[in-house]
Amino acid sequence: MFIRNLAIRLILAVVVVSVFTISPSAAEDKIGYIDSPRVLLAHPRYDELQKQLDAFITKKSDEARVAAEKEKDPDKRGEIIEKARRESGEEQVRIMNPVTVEINKVIEAVAKSKGITVVLNKILIFYGGIDLTEPVISELKKLK
């Protein structure tokens, strides 16, 4: 019984110490947020890359439609359409990944310059935080 009480007290002590040592660092975090769609649309190469992606998706969709119309087996038609969707998704990642990497670097740099330790998407914020959207867009425009 004595050992059990000692173990419970020890666990409680560890929890109390943990709460007091973790809480001050959490209170020091400054939270910022960005409007992700606005930031993406503001990237200097977005329009060019979106046109490239749209052309690829249109081509794949047309090819898949023609191939599916020729196919009698509904399962194979579904496979044709699913393959076109998968390839379009892969192409989107390939085309947009460099833009995403650049945007993430700019967000990180802006956040650090403003002493922000956490950056979230605007849709996750109910109240508070610092809007970094405009400073990030300003820095993106310099990438041209």
Protein backbone atom coordinates (compact mmCIF):
# COMPACT_ATOMS: atom_id res chain seq x y z
CA MET A 1 0.00 0.00 0.00
CA PHE A 2 2.80 2.40 0.94
CA ILE A 3 4.61 1.71 -2.34
CA ARG A 4 1.43 2.25 -4.34
CA ASN A 5 0.80 5.64 -2.64
CA LEU A 6 4.42 6.61 -3.21
CA ALA A 7 4.16 5.67 -6.89
CA ILE A 8 0.98 7.73 -7.29
CA ARG A 9 2.60 10.74 -5.58
CA LEU A 10 5.65 10.41 -7.76
CA ILE A 11 3.54 10.30 -10.93
CA LEU A 12 1.56 13.34 -9.81
CA ALA A 13 4.77 15.20 -9.04
CA VAL A 14 6.11 14.44 -12.52
CA VAL A 15 2.85 15.62 -14.12
CA VAL A 16 2.85 18.87 -12.10
CA VAL A 17 6.48 19.60 -12.94
CA SER A 18 5.81 18.84 -16.62
CA VAL A 19 2.84 21.18 -16.76
CA PHE A 20 4.80 24.04 -15.19
CA THR A 21 7.81 23.56 -17.45
CA ILE A 22 5.81 23.13 -20.67
CA SER A 23 3.25 25.91 -20.15
CA PRO A 24 5.65 28.87 -20.21
CA SER A 25 7.14 27.82 -23.54
CA ALA A 26 3.68 27.35 -25.04
CA ALA A 27 2.70 30.82 -23.86
CA GLU A 28 5.69 32.26 -25.70
CA ASP A 29 4.57 30.98 -29.11
CA LYS A 30 3.37 33.66 -31.49
CA ILE A 31 0.83 32.40 -33.97
CA GLY A 32 0.52 33.71 -37.49
CA TYR A 33 -1.73 32.68 -40.31
CA ILE A 34 -1.96 32.95 -44.07
CA ASP A 35 -4.76 32.82 -46.59
CA SER A 36 -3.36 29.89 -48.59
CA PRO A 37 -5.40 30.34 -51.78
CA ARG A 38 -4.50 34.04 -51.99
CA VAL A 39 -0.83 33.26 -51.45
CA LEU A 40 -0.84 30.54 -54.11
CA LEU A 41 -2.64 32.74 -56.63
CA ALA A 42 -0.13 35.53 -55.97
CA HIS A 43 2.90 33.41 -56.90
CA PRO A 44 4.48 34.93 -60.04
CA ARG A 45 4.48 31.62 -61.93
CA TYR A 46 1.07 30.37 -60.81
CA ASP A 47 -0.89 31.41 -63.93
CA GLU A 48 1.70 29.95 -66.29
CA LEU A 49 1.87 26.66 -64.39
CA GLN A 50 -1.91 26.45 -64.02
CA LYS A 51 -2.32 26.81 -67.80
CA GLN A 52 0.24 24.05 -68.29
CA LEU A 53 -1.62 21.84 -65.82
CA ASP A 54 -5.00 22.62 -67.37
CA ALA A 55 -3.68 21.66 -70.81
CA PHE A 56 -2.37 18.36 -69.46
CA ILE A 57 -5.65 17.57 -67.67
CA THR A 58 -7.70 18.44 -70.76
CA LYS A 59 -5.52 16.19 -72.92
CA LYS A 60 -5.72 13.30 -70.42
CA SER A 61 -9.48 13.72 -70.02
CA ASP A 62 -10.02 13.70 -73.77
CA GLU A 63 -7.83 10.63 -74.20
CA ALA A 64 -9.62 8.84 -71.36
CA ARG A 65 -13.06 9.75 -72.72
CA VAL A 66 -12.22 8.43 -76.19
CA ALA A 67 -10.68 5.23 -74.77
CA ALA A 68 -13.61 4.70 -72.37
CA GLU A 69 -16.16 5.15 -75.15
CA LYS A 70 -14.44 2.41 -77.15
CA GLU A 71 -14.33 0.03 -74.17
CA LYS A 72 -17.31 -2.28 -73.65
CA ASP A 73 -16.36 -3.57 -70.20
CA PRO A 74 -17.56 -1.15 -67.48
CA ASP A 75 -14.74 -2.20 -65.14
CA LYS A 76 -12.12 -1.38 -67.75
CA ARG A 77 -13.84 1.96 -68.44
CA GLY A 78 -13.56 2.75 -64.75
CA GLU A 79 -9.89 1.77 -64.78
CA ILE A 80 -9.24 4.06 -67.76
CA ILE A 81 -10.90 7.00 -66.03
CA GLU A 82 -9.17 6.28 -62.71
CA LYS A 83 -5.79 6.06 -64.45
CA ALA A 84 -6.37 9.47 -66.08
CA ARG A 85 -7.31 10.98 -62.70
CA ARG A 86 -4.25 9.48 -61.02
CA GLU A 87 -1.92 10.71 -63.77
CA SER A 88 -3.49 14.18 -63.59
CA GLY A 89 -2.95 14.27 -59.84
CA GLU A 90 0.66 13.18 -60.23
CA GLU A 91 1.21 15.87 -62.86
CA GLN A 92 -0.33 18.48 -60.57
CA VAL A 93 2.12 17.54 -57.83
CA ARG A 94 5.04 17.57 -60.28
CA ILE A 95 4.13 20.96 -61.72
CA MET A 96 3.11 22.71 -58.51
CA ASN A 97 5.71 21.26 -56.14
CA PRO A 98 8.41 23.86 -56.97
CA VAL A 99 5.87 26.65 -56.32
CA THR A 100 4.85 25.07 -53.03
CA VAL A 101 8.49 24.77 -51.95
CA GLU A 102 9.12 28.45 -52.79
CA ILE A 103 5.98 29.56 -50.95
CA ASN A 104 6.94 27.54 -47.87
CA LYS A 105 10.40 29.13 -47.83
CA VAL A 106 8.91 32.61 -48.09
CA ILE A 107 6.38 31.88 -45.33
CA GLU A 108 9.19 30.63 -43.10
CA ALA A 109 11.36 33.68 -43.79
CA VAL A 110 8.52 36.15 -43.17
CA ALA A 111 7.47 34.34 -40.00
CA LYS A 112 11.02 34.35 -38.63
CA SER A 113 11.45 38.04 -39.44
CA LYS A 114 8.31 38.82 -37.43
CA GLY A 115 9.11 36.48 -34.54
CA ILE A 116 6.25 34.12 -35.40
CA THR A 117 6.82 30.57 -34.18
CA VAL A 118 3.68 28.91 -35.57
CA VAL A 119 1.97 29.57 -38.92
CA LEU A 120 -1.44 28.11 -39.71
CA ASN A 121 -3.87 28.27 -42.59
CA LYS A 122 -6.44 31.04 -42.10
CA ILE A 123 -9.35 28.59 -42.13
CA LEU A 124 -8.01 27.04 -38.91
CA ILE A 125 -8.09 30.33 -37.00
CA PHE A 126 -11.19 31.25 -35.05
CA TYR A 127 -9.78 34.23 -33.20
CA GLY A 128 -6.45 36.01 -32.85
CA GLY A 129 -3.16 35.45 -34.54
CA ILE A 130 -1.18 37.66 -36.89
CA ASP A 131 -2.10 37.78 -40.57
CA LEU A 132 1.04 37.16 -42.65
CA THR A 133 -0.75 36.98 -46.00
CA GLU A 134 0.23 40.41 -47.35
CA PRO A 135 3.88 40.27 -46.24
CA VAL A 136 4.20 36.81 -47.82
CA ILE A 137 2.58 38.03 -51.06
CA SER A 138 4.95 41.03 -51.13
CA GLU A 139 7.95 38.73 -50.82
CA LEU A 140 6.60 36.37 -53.49
CA LYS A 141 6.31 39.26 -55.96
CA LYS A 142 10.05 39.82 -55.54
CA LEU A 143 10.76 36.31 -56.89
CA LYS A 144 10.01 37.26 -60.50
